[in-house]
Structures are given as C-alpha cells and as structure tokens.
C-alpha cells in the first residue's frame, strides 16, 4: 500500500469488500511500504489516520514494512 500513489483509490473498494464479507471471516491486511517511489513516507499512525480519514478504512494495517531486498519482511513472497 502507498497512500500517495495513483492506486490509493483502491482503499475504498477494499473497505467495501471488507465491510461486506468480514462477518463471514474475510480479512484484509494493509501493509504500508515506502519502497516504491517514496509514496508512503508517514509514520504508522499518520498512515492509519490518512486511510481512515480519507477512505474510511477499518481493516487492520500492519506496521510499515520492506517488501523487497535483503531486509524484506519474512512473510513477503520471494
């Protein structure tokens, strides 16, 4: 996820899916990352606030993580 990216509008659709199916066990986890053109520069709290304020995001957000390179999060597919 990147808050300052052209795909940011996808938050609305993801929130809609989450709201519709979460009672059936469907989960979404947002994973902010600043490794793509520096489009996620804020702190974890700033990112969460931005997503909630602008898109009504209520699904959980992880802490900002690296998703590529030697320091990539271990849960990131190679």
Protein backbone atom coordinates (compact mmCIF):
# COMPACT_ATOMS: atom_id res chain seq x y z
CA UNK A 1 0.00 0.00 0.00
CA UNK A 2 1.09 3.54 -0.63
CA UNK A 3 -1.06 6.47 0.40
CA UNK A 4 0.39 8.88 -2.14
CA UNK A 5 0.09 6.52 -5.09
CA UNK A 6 -2.22 6.52 -8.09
CA UNK A 7 -3.77 3.31 -6.75
CA UNK A 8 -4.83 4.89 -3.44
CA UNK A 9 -8.44 4.92 -4.63
CA UNK A 10 -8.40 1.14 -4.19
CA UNK A 11 -8.75 1.69 -0.44
CA UNK A 12 -12.45 2.46 -0.98
CA UNK A 13 -13.06 -0.80 -2.83
CA UNK A 14 -11.07 -2.81 -0.30
CA UNK A 15 -13.06 -1.25 2.54
CA UNK A 16 -16.30 -2.08 0.73
CA UNK A 17 -15.24 -5.74 0.37
CA UNK A 18 -14.15 -5.87 3.99
CA UNK A 19 -17.46 -4.43 5.20
CA UNK A 20 -19.46 -6.84 3.07
CA UNK A 21 -17.63 -10.06 3.94
CA UNK A 22 -15.84 -9.64 7.28
CA UNK A 23 -18.75 -11.27 9.13
CA UNK A 24 -18.01 -14.39 7.07
CA UNK A 25 -14.38 -14.47 8.16
CA UNK A 26 -12.92 -12.48 5.25
CA UNK A 27 -9.92 -10.39 6.26
CA UNK A 28 -7.82 -7.72 4.61
CA UNK A 29 -4.48 -6.63 5.99
CA UNK A 30 -2.93 -3.47 4.62
CA UNK A 31 0.87 -3.48 4.56
CA UNK A 32 2.28 0.00 4.03
CA UNK A 33 5.62 0.17 2.21
CA UNK A 34 7.81 3.13 1.27
CA UNK A 35 9.99 1.27 -1.25
CA UNK A 36 8.10 2.37 -4.36
CA UNK A 37 8.99 5.96 -5.30
CA UNK A 38 8.76 7.07 -1.64
CA UNK A 39 4.96 7.11 -1.70
CA UNK A 40 4.43 6.04 1.93
CA UNK A 41 6.56 8.43 3.95
CA UNK A 42 4.49 8.89 7.11
CA UNK A 43 4.63 7.12 10.44
CA UNK A 44 2.37 4.14 11.11
CA UNK A 45 -0.05 6.44 12.99
CA UNK A 46 -0.07 9.02 10.17
CA UNK A 47 -0.73 6.33 7.56
CA UNK A 48 -3.59 4.84 9.59
CA UNK A 49 -5.10 8.29 10.13
CA UNK A 50 -4.86 9.12 6.41
CA UNK A 51 -6.51 5.85 5.39
CA UNK A 52 -9.32 6.19 7.93
CA UNK A 53 -9.96 9.89 7.32
CA UNK A 54 -9.90 9.77 3.51
CA UNK A 55 -11.27 6.30 2.77
CA UNK A 56 -12.99 5.11 5.95
CA UNK A 57 -10.57 2.20 6.22
CA UNK A 58 -11.43 -0.02 9.18
CA UNK A 59 -9.46 -3.13 8.19
CA UNK A 60 -6.18 -3.63 10.06
CA UNK A 61 -2.94 -2.08 8.88
CA UNK A 62 0.44 -3.61 9.67
CA UNK A 63 3.45 -1.51 10.54
CA UNK A 64 5.30 -0.18 7.53
CA UNK A 65 7.44 -2.98 6.11
CA UNK A 66 10.05 -3.59 3.46
CA UNK A 67 8.74 -5.98 0.83
CA UNK A 68 11.84 -6.36 -1.32
CA UNK A 69 15.58 -6.55 -0.87
CA UNK A 70 17.75 -8.03 1.87
CA UNK A 71 15.63 -6.52 4.65
CA UNK A 72 12.26 -7.64 3.27
CA UNK A 73 9.72 -8.85 5.78
CA UNK A 74 9.92 -12.65 6.17
CA UNK A 75 6.24 -13.06 5.23
CA UNK A 76 6.82 -11.45 1.81
CA UNK A 77 6.84 -13.97 -1.04
CA UNK A 78 10.18 -14.08 -2.84
